[in-house]
């Protein structure tokens, strides 16, 4: 299972996936910190919101750059098999999917923090 996770990180483009993994770890660590120590002035919650939005946008940036590169290759090639195109699209969608996952995990943590404070 752990090898599948790292394969997906490498397939999605290490230049985008590994920084997003660090953003996920950072968001989780900040959520745990706020649950344990509190966040009187809401600065940490504000930071979590921004990191999650950045991860979402960063994932879509990776998708767009990957698609531009793929379309450049497709413009040169004369015969593209549909299976190759589908595989490339699957790989291209890994980074925005991971960005959405980070966004959702962070937002769920923020919802939990909101419920804890009320």
PDB file of N, CA and C in Angstrom:
ATOM      1  N   UNK A   1       0.821  -1.194   0.000  1.00  0.00           N
ATOM      2  CA  UNK A   1       0.000   0.000   0.000  1.00  0.00           C
ATOM      3  C   UNK A   1       0.866   1.260   0.000  1.00  0.00           C
ATOM      4  N   UNK A   2       1.940   1.256   0.810  1.00  0.00           N
ATOM      5  CA  UNK A   2       2.765   2.455   0.870  1.00  0.00           C
ATOM      6  C   UNK A   2       3.488   2.688  -0.453  1.00  0.00           C
ATOM      7  N   UNK A   3       3.799   1.627  -1.166  1.00  0.00           N
ATOM      8  CA  UNK A   3       4.467   1.810  -2.444  1.00  0.00           C
ATOM      9  C   UNK A   3       3.510   2.402  -3.471  1.00  0.00           C
ATOM     10  N   UNK A   4       2.233   2.054  -3.381  1.00  0.00           N
ATOM     11  CA  UNK A   4       1.237   2.620  -4.274  1.00  0.00           C
ATOM     12  C   UNK A   4       1.130   4.124  -4.050  1.00  0.00           C
ATOM     13  N   UNK A   5       1.157   4.553  -2.796  1.00  0.00           N
ATOM     14  CA  UNK A   5       1.070   5.975  -2.478  1.00  0.00           C
ATOM     15  C   UNK A   5       2.240   6.741  -3.084  1.00  0.00           C
ATOM     16  N   UNK A   6       3.458   6.215  -2.920  1.00  0.00           N
ATOM     17  CA  UNK A   6       4.621   6.904  -3.465  1.00  0.00           C
ATOM     18  C   UNK A   6       4.654   6.827  -4.986  1.00  0.00           C
ATOM     19  N   UNK A   7       4.126   5.742  -5.558  1.00  0.00           N
ATOM     20  CA  UNK A   7       4.012   5.678  -7.012  1.00  0.00           C
ATOM     21  C   UNK A   7       3.072   6.757  -7.527  1.00  0.00           C
ATOM     22  N   UNK A   8       1.956   6.966  -6.831  1.00  0.00           N
ATOM     23  CA  UNK A   8       1.033   8.019  -7.242  1.00  0.00           C
ATOM     24  C   UNK A   8       1.666   9.399  -7.104  1.00  0.00           C
ATOM     25  N   UNK A   9       2.445   9.601  -6.044  1.00  0.00           N
ATOM     26  CA  UNK A   9       3.138  10.880  -5.885  1.00  0.00           C
ATOM     27  C   UNK A   9       4.115  11.112  -7.029  1.00  0.00           C
ATOM     28  N   UNK A  10       4.842  10.077  -7.406  1.00  0.00           N
ATOM     29  CA  UNK A  10       5.805  10.221  -8.499  1.00  0.00           C
ATOM     30  C   UNK A  10       5.112  10.354  -9.847  1.00  0.00           C
ATOM     31  N   UNK A  11       4.009   9.618 -10.043  1.00  0.00           N
ATOM     32  CA  UNK A  11       3.293   9.698 -11.312  1.00  0.00           C
ATOM     33  C   UNK A  11       2.651  11.062 -11.513  1.00  0.00           C
ATOM     34  N   UNK A  12       2.171  11.664 -10.453  1.00  0.00           N
ATOM     35  CA  UNK A  12       1.505  12.956 -10.550  1.00  0.00           C
ATOM     36  C   UNK A  12       2.458  14.113 -10.762  1.00  0.00           C
ATOM     37  N   UNK A  13       3.729  13.856 -10.761  1.00  0.00           N
ATOM     38  CA  UNK A  13       4.721  14.910 -10.943  1.00  0.00           C
ATOM     39  C   UNK A  13       5.320  15.299  -9.611  1.00  0.00           C
ATOM     40  N   UNK A  14       6.517  14.810  -9.312  1.00  0.00           N
ATOM     41  CA  UNK A  14       7.131  15.076  -8.008  1.00  0.00           C
ATOM     42  C   UNK A  14       7.294  16.563  -7.705  1.00  0.00           C
ATOM     43  N   UNK A  15       7.443  17.371  -8.759  1.00  0.00           N
ATOM     44  CA  UNK A  15       7.635  18.803  -8.552  1.00  0.00           C
ATOM     45  C   UNK A  15       6.394  19.446  -7.924  1.00  0.00           C
ATOM     46  N   UNK A  16       5.238  18.839  -8.123  1.00  0.00           N
ATOM     47  CA  UNK A  16       4.008  19.371  -7.546  1.00  0.00           C
ATOM     48  C   UNK A  16       3.496  18.524  -6.383  1.00  0.00           C
ATOM     49  N   UNK A  17       3.633  17.224  -6.490  1.00  0.00           N
ATOM     50  CA  UNK A  17       3.020  16.341  -5.494  1.00  0.00           C
ATOM     51  C   UNK A  17       3.736  16.373  -4.143  1.00  0.00           C
ATOM     52  N   UNK A  18       5.053  16.400  -4.139  1.00  0.00           N
ATOM     53  CA  UNK A  18       5.776  16.396  -2.863  1.00  0.00           C
ATOM     54  C   UNK A  18       5.604  17.710  -2.083  1.00  0.00           C
ATOM     55  N   UNK A  19       5.640  18.876  -2.741  1.00  0.00           N
ATOM     56  CA  UNK A  19       5.312  20.087  -1.974  1.00  0.00           C
ATOM     57  C   UNK A  19       3.883  20.061  -1.421  1.00  0.00           C
ATOM     58  N   UNK A  20       2.961  19.473  -2.182  1.00  0.00           N
ATOM     59  CA  UNK A  20       1.595  19.378  -1.677  1.00  0.00           C
ATOM     60  C   UNK A  20       1.504  18.402  -0.512  1.00  0.00           C
ATOM     61  N   UNK A  21       2.317  17.345  -0.537  1.00  0.00           N
ATOM     62  CA  UNK A  21       2.366  16.438   0.610  1.00  0.00           C
ATOM     63  C   UNK A  21       2.847  17.184   1.853  1.00  0.00           C
ATOM     64  N   UNK A  22       3.839  18.040   1.681  1.00  0.00           N
ATOM     65  CA  UNK A  22       4.310  18.851   2.813  1.00  0.00           C
ATOM     66  C   UNK A  22       3.214  19.798   3.303  1.00  0.00           C
ATOM     67  N   UNK A  23       2.425  20.342   2.373  1.00  0.00           N
ATOM     68  CA  UNK A  23       1.315  21.206   2.773  1.00  0.00           C
ATOM     69  C   UNK A  23       0.270  20.416   3.564  1.00  0.00           C
ATOM     70  N   UNK A  24       0.002  19.186   3.158  1.00  0.00           N
ATOM     71  CA  UNK A  24      -0.941  18.337   3.886  1.00  0.00           C
ATOM     72  C   UNK A  24      -0.434  18.071   5.302  1.00  0.00           C
ATOM     73  N   UNK A  25       0.825  17.707   5.408  1.00  0.00           N
ATOM     74  CA  UNK A  25       1.413  17.438   6.728  1.00  0.00           C
ATOM     75  C   UNK A  25       1.368  18.696   7.591  1.00  0.00           C
ATOM     76  N   UNK A  26       1.674  19.843   7.000  1.00  0.00           N
ATOM     77  CA  UNK A  26       1.641  21.107   7.738  1.00  0.00           C
ATOM     78  C   UNK A  26       0.226  21.436   8.210  1.00  0.00           C
ATOM     79  N   UNK A  27      -0.754  21.259   7.337  1.00  0.00           N
ATOM     80  CA  UNK A  27      -2.143  21.540   7.731  1.00  0.00           C
ATOM     81  C   UNK A  27      -2.585  20.625   8.864  1.00  0.00           C
ATOM     82  N   UNK A  28      -2.269  19.351   8.762  1.00  0.00           N
ATOM     83  CA  UNK A  28      -2.652  18.409   9.824  1.00  0.00           C
ATOM     84  C   UNK A  28      -1.961  18.774  11.139  1.00  0.00           C
ATOM     85  N   UNK A  29      -0.677  19.116  11.065  1.00  0.00           N
ATOM     86  CA  UNK A  29       0.056  19.493  12.275  1.00  0.00           C
ATOM     87  C   UNK A  29      -0.530  20.756  12.902  1.00  0.00           C
ATOM     88  N   UNK A  30      -0.905  21.734  12.072  1.00  0.00           N
ATOM     89  CA  UNK A  30      -1.491  22.959  12.610  1.00  0.00           C
ATOM     90  C   UNK A  30      -2.865  22.702  13.221  1.00  0.00           C
ATOM     91  N   UNK A  31      -3.647  21.829  12.593  1.00  0.00           N
ATOM     92  CA  UNK A  31      -4.964  21.494  13.147  1.00  0.00           C
ATOM     93  C   UNK A  31      -4.811  20.810  14.500  1.00  0.00           C
ATOM     94  N   UNK A  32      -3.869  19.872  14.596  1.00  0.00           N
ATOM     95  CA  UNK A  32      -3.631  19.187  15.875  1.00  0.00           C
ATOM     96  C   UNK A  32      -3.155  20.185  16.925  1.00  0.00           C
ATOM     97  N   UNK A  33      -2.269  21.091  16.530  1.00  0.00           N
ATOM     98  CA  UNK A  33      -1.766  22.113  17.458  1.00  0.00           C
ATOM     99  C   UNK A  33      -2.901  22.968  18.002  1.00  0.00           C
ATOM    100  N   UNK A  34      -3.804  23.369  17.122  1.00  0.00           N
ATOM    101  CA  UNK A  34      -4.913  24.213  17.570  1.00  0.00           C
ATOM    102  C   UNK A  34      -5.868  23.427  18.466  1.00  0.00           C
ATOM    103  N   UNK A  35      -6.101  22.143  18.133  1.00  0.00           N
ATOM    104  CA  UNK A  35      -6.949  21.331  18.990  1.00  0.00           C
ATOM    105  C   UNK A  35      -6.357  21.192  20.386  1.00  0.00           C
ATOM    106  N   UNK A  36      -5.035  21.060  20.476  1.00  0.00           N
ATOM    107  CA  UNK A  36      -4.396  20.842  21.766  1.00  0.00           C
ATOM    108  C   UNK A  36      -4.168  22.131  22.551  1.00  0.00           C
ATOM    109  N   UNK A  37      -3.722  23.192  21.870  1.00  0.00           N
ATOM    110  CA  UNK A  37      -3.337  24.412  22.571  1.00  0.00           C
ATOM    111  C   UNK A  37      -4.315  25.563  22.409  1.00  0.00           C
ATOM    112  N   UNK A  38      -5.198  25.479  21.443  1.00  0.00           N
ATOM    113  CA  UNK A  38      -6.136  26.572  21.212  1.00  0.00           C
ATOM    114  C   UNK A  38      -5.558  27.610  20.264  1.00  0.00           C
ATOM    115  N   UNK A  39      -6.434  28.490  19.827  1.00  0.00           N
ATOM    116  CA  UNK A  39      -6.055  29.542  18.876  1.00  0.00           C
ATOM    117  C   UNK A  39      -6.885  30.775  19.209  1.00  0.00           C
ATOM    118  N   UNK A  40      -6.406  31.543  20.167  1.00  0.00           N
ATOM    119  CA  UNK A  40      -7.171  32.682  20.679  1.00  0.00           C
ATOM    120  C   UNK A  40      -7.474  33.731  19.608  1.00  0.00           C
ATOM    121  N   UNK A  41      -6.489  34.094  18.817  1.00  0.00           N
ATOM    122  CA  UNK A  41      -6.678  35.177  17.851  1.00  0.00           C
ATOM    123  C   UNK A  41      -6.944  34.679  16.423  1.00  0.00           C
ATOM    124  N   UNK A  42      -7.178  33.391  16.253  1.00  0.00           N
ATOM    125  CA  UNK A  42      -7.549  32.786  14.974  1.00  0.00           C
ATOM    126  C   UNK A  42      -6.465  32.904  13.888  1.00  0.00           C
ATOM    127  N   UNK A  43      -5.230  33.203  14.264  1.00  0.00           N
ATOM    128  CA  UNK A  43      -4.160  33.310  13.268  1.00  0.00           C
ATOM    129  C   UNK A  43      -3.831  31.958  12.649  1.00  0.00           C
ATOM    130  N   UNK A  44      -3.820  30.922  13.453  1.00  0.00           N
ATOM    131  CA  UNK A  44      -3.498  29.591  12.925  1.00  0.00           C
ATOM    132  C   UNK A  44      -4.602  29.094  12.012  1.00  0.00           C
ATOM    133  N   UNK A  45      -5.853  29.331  12.363  1.00  0.00           N
ATOM    134  CA  UNK A  45      -6.972  28.937  11.501  1.00  0.00           C
ATOM    135  C   UNK A  45      -6.895  29.683  10.171  1.00  0.00           C
ATOM    136  N   UNK A  46      -6.538  30.948  10.229  1.00  0.00           N
ATOM    137  CA  UNK A  46      -6.367  31.753   9.018  1.00  0.00           C
ATOM    138  C   UNK A  46      -5.252  31.167   8.149  1.00  0.00           C
ATOM    139  N   UNK A  47      -4.157  30.752   8.768  1.00  0.00           N
ATOM    140  CA  UNK A  47      -3.040  30.144   8.044  1.00  0.00           C
ATOM    141  C   UNK A  47      -3.451  28.819   7.408  1.00  0.00           C
ATOM    142  N   UNK A  48      -4.218  28.006   8.120  1.00  0.00           N
ATOM    143  CA  UNK A  48      -4.695  26.732   7.577  1.00  0.00           C
ATOM    144  C   UNK A  48      -5.573  26.978   6.349  1.00  0.00           C
ATOM    145  N   UNK A  49      -6.442  27.969   6.420  1.00  0.00           N
ATOM    146  CA  UNK A  49      -7.296  28.313   5.273  1.00  0.00           C
ATOM    147  C   UNK A  49      -6.445  28.675   4.062  1.00  0.00           C
ATOM    148  N   UNK A  50      -5.444  29.484   4.280  1.00  0.00           N
ATOM    149  CA  UNK A  50      -4.610  29.923   3.160  1.00  0.00           C
ATOM    150  C   UNK A  50      -3.773  28.789   2.577  1.00  0.00           C
ATOM    151  N   UNK A  51      -3.230  27.945   3.429  1.00  0.00           N
ATOM    152  CA  UNK A  51      -2.433  26.818   2.930  1.00  0.00           C
ATOM    153  C   UNK A  51      -3.316  25.867   2.136  1.00  0.00           C
ATOM    154  N   UNK A  52      -4.531  25.619   2.603  1.00  0.00           N
ATOM    155  CA  UNK A  52      -5.414  24.702   1.883  1.00  0.00           C
ATOM    156  C   UNK A  52      -5.810  25.271   0.525  1.00  0.00           C
ATOM    157  N   UNK A  53      -6.086  26.558   0.469  1.00  0.00           N
ATOM    158  CA  UNK A  53      -6.405  27.179  -0.821  1.00  0.00           C
ATOM    159  C   UNK A  53      -5.201  27.176  -1.753  1.00  0.00           C
ATOM    160  N   UNK A  54      -4.016  27.399  -1.193  1.00  0.00           N
ATOM    161  CA  UNK A  54      -2.806  27.370  -2.010  1.00  0.00           C
ATOM    162  C   UNK A  54      -2.569  25.972  -2.568  1.00  0.00           C
ATOM    163  N   UNK A  55      -2.798  24.936  -1.758  1.00  0.00           N
ATOM    164  CA  UNK A  55      -2.628  23.562  -2.235  1.00  0.00           C
ATOM    165  C   UNK A  55      -3.597  23.255  -3.371  1.00  0.00           C
ATOM    166  N   UNK A  56      -4.822  23.737  -3.255  1.00  0.00           N
ATOM    167  CA  UNK A  56      -5.814  23.536  -4.307  1.00  0.00           C
ATOM    168  C   UNK A  56      -5.369  24.206  -5.605  1.00  0.00           C
ATOM    169  N   UNK A  57      -4.965  25.460  -5.518  1.00  0.00           N
ATOM    170  CA  UNK A  57      -4.514  26.182  -6.714  1.00  0.00           C
ATOM    171  C   UNK A  57      -3.226  25.582  -7.274  1.00  0.00           C
ATOM    172  N   UNK A  58      -2.331  25.152  -6.405  1.00  0.00           N
ATOM    173  CA  UNK A  58      -1.058  24.564  -6.835  1.00  0.00           C
ATOM    174  C   UNK A  58      -1.302  23.255  -7.594  1.00  0.00           C
ATOM    175  N   UNK A  59      -2.262  22.473  -7.130  1.00  0.00           N
ATOM    176  CA  UNK A  59      -2.615  21.235  -7.827  1.00  0.00           C
ATOM    177  C   UNK A  59      -3.155  21.502  -9.218  1.00  0.00           C
ATOM    178  N   UNK A  60      -3.997  22.510  -9.349  1.00  0.00           N
ATOM    179  CA  UNK A  60      -4.525  22.842 -10.668  1.00  0.00           C
ATOM    180  C   UNK A  60      -3.463  23.465 -11.560  1.00  0.00           C
ATOM    181  N   UNK A  61      -2.509  24.179 -10.980  1.00  0.00           N
ATOM    182  CA  UNK A  61      -1.390  24.677 -11.773  1.00  0.00           C
ATOM    183  C   UNK A  61      -0.587  23.518 -12.342  1.00  0.00           C
ATOM    184  N   UNK A  62      -0.341  22.498 -11.527  1.00  0.00           N
ATOM    185  CA  UNK A  62       0.362  21.312 -12.012  1.00  0.00           C
ATOM    186  C   UNK A  62      -0.391  20.640 -13.147  1.00  0.00           C
ATOM    187  N   UNK A  63      -1.718  20.575 -13.029  1.00  0.00           N
ATOM    188  CA  UNK A  63      -2.544  19.994 -14.090  1.00  0.00           C
ATOM    189  C   UNK A  63      -2.427  20.805 -15.379  1.00  0.00           C
ATOM    190  N   UNK A  64      -2.522  22.109 -15.268  1.00  0.00           N
ATOM    191  CA  UNK A  64      -2.463  22.959 -16.459  1.00  0.00           C
ATOM    192  C   UNK A  64      -1.098  22.871 -17.144  1.00  0.00           C
ATOM    193  N   UNK A  65      -0.035  22.912 -16.375  1.00  0.00           N
ATOM    194  CA  UNK A  65       1.292  22.802 -16.980  1.00  0.00           C
ATOM    195  C   UNK A  65       1.496  21.437 -17.612  1.00  0.00           C
ATOM    196  N   UNK A  66       0.997  20.390 -16.973  1.00  0.00           N
ATOM    197  CA  UNK A  66       1.083  19.047 -17.544  1.00  0.00           C
ATOM    198  C   UNK A  66       0.293  18.918 -18.827  1.00  0.00           C
ATOM    199  N   UNK A  67      -0.882  19.523 -18.867  1.00  0.00           N
ATOM    200  CA  UNK A  67      -1.701  19.445 -20.081  1.00  0.00           C
ATOM    201  C   UNK A  67      -1.075  20.238 -21.222  1.00  0.00           C
ATOM    202  N   UNK A  68      -0.487  21.374 -20.922  1.00  0.00           N
ATOM    203  CA  UNK A  68       0.197  22.145 -21.959  1.00  0.00           C
ATOM    204  C   UNK A  68       1.333  21.323 -22.551  1.00  0.00           C
ATOM    205  N   UNK A  69       2.098  20.678 -21.676  1.00  0.00           N
ATOM    206  CA  UNK A  69       3.198  19.831 -22.142  1.00  0.00           C
ATOM    207  C   UNK A  69       2.659  18.655 -22.949  1.00  0.00           C
ATOM    208  N   UNK A  70       1.571  18.049 -22.510  1.00  0.00           N
ATOM    209  CA  UNK A  70       0.986  16.915 -23.229  1.00  0.00           C
ATOM    210  C   UNK A  70       0.462  17.345 -24.595  1.00  0.00           C
ATOM    211  N   UNK A  71      -0.172  18.498 -24.675  1.00  0.00           N
ATOM    212  CA  UNK A  71      -0.684  18.967 -25.958  1.00  0.00           C
ATOM    213  C   UNK A  71       0.446  19.313 -26.918  1.00  0.00           C
ATOM    214  N   UNK A  72       1.565  19.787 -26.390  1.00  0.00           N
ATOM    215  CA  UNK A  72       2.736  20.019 -27.244  1.00  0.00           C
ATOM    216  C   UNK A  72       3.216  18.717 -27.869  1.00  0.00           C
ATOM    217  N   UNK A  73       3.276  17.657 -27.066  1.00  0.00           N
ATOM    218  CA  UNK A  73       3.713  16.360 -27.576  1.00  0.00           C
ATOM    219  C   UNK A  73       2.688  15.816 -28.567  1.00  0.00           C
ATOM    220  N   UNK A  74       1.398  15.985 -28.270  1.00  0.00           N
ATOM    221  CA  UNK A  74       0.359  15.497 -29.168  1.00  0.00           C
ATOM    222  C   UNK A  74       0.363  16.240 -30.492  1.00  0.00           C
ATOM    223  N   UNK A  75       0.741  17.507 -30.497  1.00  0.00           N
ATOM    224  CA  UNK A  75       0.800  18.265 -31.738  1.00  0.00           C
ATOM    225  C   UNK A  75       1.894  17.748 -32.653  1.00  0.00           C
ATOM    226  N   UNK A  76       2.955  17.230 -32.062  1.00  0.00           N
ATOM    227  CA  UNK A  76       4.065  16.690 -32.855  1.00  0.00           C
ATOM    228  C   UNK A  76       3.744  15.285 -33.354  1.00  0.00           C
ATOM    229  N   UNK A  77       3.106  14.487 -32.505  1.00  0.00           N
ATOM    230  CA  UNK A  77       2.811  13.094 -32.854  1.00  0.00           C
ATOM    231  C   UNK A  77       1.721  13.038 -33.922  1.00  0.00           C
ATOM    232  N   UNK A  78       1.804  12.024 -34.746  1.00  0.00           N
ATOM    233  CA  UNK A  78       0.804  11.878 -35.805  1.00  0.00           C
ATOM    234  C   UNK A  78      -0.289  10.893 -35.434  1.00  0.00           C
ATOM    235  N   UNK A  79       0.015   9.923 -34.580  1.00  0.00           N
ATOM    236  CA  UNK A  79      -0.962   8.907 -34.231  1.00  0.00           C
ATOM    237  C   UNK A  79      -0.943   8.686 -32.721  1.00  0.00           C
ATOM    238  N   UNK A  80      -2.006   9.132 -32.052  1.00  0.00           N
ATOM    239  CA  UNK A  80      -2.125   8.968 -30.606  1.00  0.00           C
ATOM    240  C   UNK A  80      -3.201   7.921 -30.350  1.00  0.00           C
ATOM    241  N   UNK A  81      -2.837   6.866 -29.648  1.00  0.00           N
ATOM    242  CA  UNK A  81      -3.790   5.818 -29.307  1.00  0.00           C
ATOM    243  C   UNK A  81      -4.655   6.314 -28.142  1.00  0.00           C
ATOM    244  N   UNK A  82      -5.964   6.048 -28.171  1.00  0.00           N
ATOM    245  CA  UNK A  82      -6.839   6.516 -27.081  1.00  0.00           C
ATOM    246  C   UNK A  82      -6.423   6.029 -25.686  1.00  0.00           C
ATOM    247  N   UNK A  83      -5.848   4.836 -25.594  1.00  0.00           N
ATOM    248  CA  UNK A  83      -5.407   4.334 -24.287  1.00  0.00           C
ATOM    249  C   UNK A  83      -4.255   5.176 -23.737  1.00  0.00           C
ATOM    250  N   UNK A  84      -3.371   5.629 -24.614  1.00  0.00           N
ATOM    251  CA  UNK A  84      -2.260   6.482 -24.186  1.00  0.00           C
ATOM    252  C   UNK A  84      -2.803   7.826 -23.718  1.00  0.00           C
ATOM    253  N   UNK A  85      -3.779   8.361 -24.446  1.00  0.00           N
ATOM    254  CA  UNK A  85      -4.386   9.633 -24.067  1.00  0.00           C
ATOM    255  C   UNK A  85      -5.106   9.515 -22.722  1.00  0.00           C
ATOM    256  N   UNK A  86      -5.854   8.433 -22.529  1.00  0.00           N
ATOM    257  CA  UNK A  86      -6.569   8.230 -21.267  1.00  0.00           C
ATOM    258  C   UNK A  86      -5.598   8.068 -20.101  1.00  0.00           C
ATOM    259  N   UNK A  87      -4.520   7.348 -20.317  1.00  0.00           N
ATOM    260  CA  UNK A  87      -3.513   7.186 -19.259  1.00  0.00           C
ATOM    261  C   UNK A  87      -2.863   8.498 -18.900  1.00  0.00           C
ATOM    262  N   UNK A  88      -2.591   9.311 -19.895  1.00  0.00           N
ATOM    263  CA  UNK A  88      -2.007  10.625 -19.636  1.00  0.00           C
ATOM    264  C   UNK A  88      -2.952  11.546 -18.890  1.00  0.00           C
ATOM    265  N   UNK A  89      -4.232  11.502 -19.242  1.00  0.00           N
ATOM    266  CA  UNK A  89      -5.212  12.316 -18.525  1.00  0.00           C
ATOM    267  C   UNK A  89      -5.345  11.868 -17.077  1.00  0.00           C
ATOM    268  N   UNK A  90      -5.290  10.549 -16.847  1.00  0.00           N
ATOM    269  CA  UNK A  90      -5.367  10.025 -15.481  1.00  0.00           C
ATOM    270  C   UNK A  90      -4.204  10.538 -14.651  1.00  0.00           C
ATOM    271  N   UNK A  91      -3.024  10.476 -15.219  1.00  0.00           N
ATOM    272  CA  UNK A  91      -1.843  10.959 -14.502  1.00  0.00           C
ATOM    273  C   UNK A  91      -1.933  12.465 -14.284  1.00  0.00           C
ATOM    274  N   UNK A  92      -2.445  13.188 -15.285  1.00  0.00           N
ATOM    275  CA  UNK A  92      -2.577  14.633 -15.160  1.00  0.00           C
ATOM    276  C   UNK A  92      -3.548  15.047 -14.072  1.00  0.00           C
ATOM    277  N   UNK A  93      -4.550  14.216 -13.816  1.00  0.00           N
ATOM    278  CA  UNK A  93      -5.552  14.559 -12.814  1.00  0.00           C
ATOM    279  C   UNK A  93      -5.131  14.222 -11.384  1.00  0.00           C
ATOM    280  N   UNK A  94      -3.971  13.614 -11.207  1.00  0.00           N
ATOM    281  CA  UNK A  94      -3.523  13.267  -9.856  1.00  0.00           C
ATOM    282  C   UNK A  94      -3.231  14.510  -9.009  1.00  0.00           C
ATOM    283  N   UNK A  95      -2.571  15.512  -9.577  1.00  0.00           N
ATOM    284  CA  UNK A  95      -2.211  16.682  -8.765  1.00  0.00           C
ATOM    285  C   UNK A  95      -3.429  17.514  -8.364  1.00  0.00           C
ATOM    286  N   UNK A  96      -4.406  17.782  -9.251  1.00  0.00           N
ATOM    287  CA  UNK A  96      -5.573  18.512  -8.728  1.00  0.00           C
ATOM    288  C   UNK A  96      -6.399  17.688  -7.745  1.00  0.00           C
ATOM    289  N   UNK A  97      -6.426  16.372  -7.929  1.00  0.00           N
ATOM    290  CA  UNK A  97      -7.156  15.519  -6.990  1.00  0.00           C
ATOM    291  C   UNK A  97      -6.506  15.577  -5.612  1.00  0.00           C
ATOM    292  N   UNK A  98      -5.194  15.548  -5.565  1.00  0.00           N
ATOM    293  CA  UNK A  98      -4.485  15.634  -4.284  1.00  0.00           C
ATOM    294  C   UNK A  98      -4.695  17.011  -3.653  1.00  0.00           C
ATOM    295  N   UNK A  99      -4.713  18.062  -4.492  1.00  0.00           N
ATOM    296  CA  UNK A  99      -4.981  19.403  -3.983  1.00  0.00           C
ATOM    297  C   UNK A  99      -6.375  19.518  -3.390  1.00  0.00           C
ATOM    298  N   UNK A 100      -7.360  18.896  -4.054  1.00  0.00           N
ATOM    299  CA  UNK A 100      -8.727  18.890  -3.529  1.00  0.00           C
ATOM    300  C   UNK A 100      -8.781  18.110  -2.215  1.00  0.00           C
ATOM    301  N   UNK A 101      -8.056  16.997  -2.146  1.00  0.00           N
ATOM    302  CA  UNK A 101      -8.013  16.202  -0.912  1.00  0.00           C
ATOM    303  C   UNK A 101      -7.446  17.024   0.242  1.00  0.00           C
ATOM    304  N   UNK A 102      -6.352  17.744  -0.003  1.00  0.00           N
ATOM    305  CA  UNK A 102      -5.746  18.581   1.032  1.00  0.00           C
ATOM    306  C   UNK A 102      -6.724  19.665   1.470  1.00  0.00           C
ATOM    307  N   UNK A 103      -7.397  20.270   0.501  1.00  0.00           N
ATOM    308  CA  UNK A 103      -8.377  21.305   0.803  1.00  0.00           C
ATOM    309  C   UNK A 103      -9.486  20.751   1.693  1.00  0.00           C
ATOM    310  N   UNK A 104     -10.006  19.575   1.341  1.00  0.00           N
ATOM    311  CA  UNK A 104     -11.104  18.993   2.114  1.00  0.00           C
ATOM    312  C   UNK A 104     -10.673  18.585   3.517  1.00  0.00           C
ATOM    313  N   UNK A 105      -9.494  17.987   3.638  1.00  0.00           N
ATOM    314  CA  UNK A 105      -8.999  17.607   4.965  1.00  0.00           C
ATOM    315  C   UNK A 105      -8.838  18.848   5.844  1.00  0.00           C
ATOM    316  N   UNK A 106      -8.278  19.895   5.277  1.00  0.00           N
ATOM    317  CA  UNK A 106      -8.086  21.134   6.045  1.00  0.00           C
ATOM    318  C   UNK A 106      -9.410  21.748   6.435  1.00  0.00           C
ATOM    319  N   UNK A 107     -10.351  21.756   5.506  1.00  0.00           N
ATOM    320  CA  UNK A 107     -11.658  22.343   5.816  1.00  0.00           C
ATOM    321  C   UNK A 107     -12.412  21.521   6.859  1.00  0.00           C
ATOM    322  N   UNK A 108     -12.294  20.207   6.798  1.00  0.00           N
ATOM    323  CA  UNK A 108     -12.912  19.372   7.829  1.00  0.00           C
ATOM    324  C   UNK A 108     -12.291  19.654   9.189  1.00  0.00           C
ATOM    325  N   UNK A 109     -10.983  19.840   9.215  1.00  0.00           N
ATOM    326  CA  UNK A 109     -10.319  20.201  10.466  1.00  0.00           C
ATOM    327  C   UNK A 109     -10.803  21.537  10.996  1.00  0.00           C
ATOM    328  N   UNK A 110     -11.000  22.504  10.090  1.00  0.00           N
ATOM    329  CA  UNK A 110     -11.498  23.814  10.509  1.00  0.00           C
ATOM    330  C   UNK A 110     -12.942  23.726  11.013  1.00  0.00           C
ATOM    331  N   UNK A 111     -13.739  22.872  10.394  1.00  0.00           N
ATOM    332  CA  UNK A 111     -15.103  22.665  10.873  1.00  0.00           C
ATOM    333  C   UNK A 111     -15.071  22.071  12.285  1.00  0.00           C
ATOM    334  N   UNK A 112     -14.178  21.107  12.487  1.00  0.00           N
ATOM    335  CA  UNK A 112     -14.025  20.524  13.824  1.00  0.00           C
ATOM    336  C   UNK A 112     -13.590  21.557  14.841  1.00  0.00           C
ATOM    337  N   UNK A 113     -12.670  22.442  14.448  1.00  0.00           N
ATOM    338  CA  UNK A 113     -12.234  23.497  15.364  1.00  0.00           C
ATOM    339  C   UNK A 113     -13.363  24.462  15.689  1.00  0.00           C
ATOM    340  N   UNK A 114     -14.179  24.764  14.697  1.00  0.00           N
ATOM    341  CA  UNK A 114     -15.314  25.653  14.919  1.00  0.00           C
ATOM    342  C   UNK A 114     -16.303  25.030  15.882  1.00  0.00           C
ATOM    343  N   UNK A 115     -16.578  23.740  15.677  1.00  0.00           N
ATOM    344  CA  UNK A 115     -17.499  23.035  16.582  1.00  0.00           C
ATOM    345  C   UNK A 115     -16.934  22.938  17.996  1.00  0.00           C
ATOM    346  N   UNK A 116     -15.621  22.772  18.108  1.00  0.00           N
ATOM    347  CA  UNK A 116     -14.991  22.684  19.425  1.00  0.00           C
ATOM    348  C   UNK A 116     -15.103  24.002  20.175  1.00  0.00           C
ATOM    349  N   UNK A 117     -15.003  25.118  19.455  1.00  0.00           N
ATOM    350  CA  UNK A 117     -15.039  26.434  20.092  1.00  0.00           C
ATOM    351  C   UNK A 117     -16.437  26.858  20.499  1.00  0.00           C
ATOM    352  N   UNK A 118     -17.456  26.234  19.936  1.00  0.00           N
ATOM    353  CA  UNK A 118     -18.834  26.636  20.274  1.00  0.00           C
ATOM    354  C   UNK A 118     -19.405  25.861  21.413  1.00  0.00           C
TER     355      UNK A 118
END
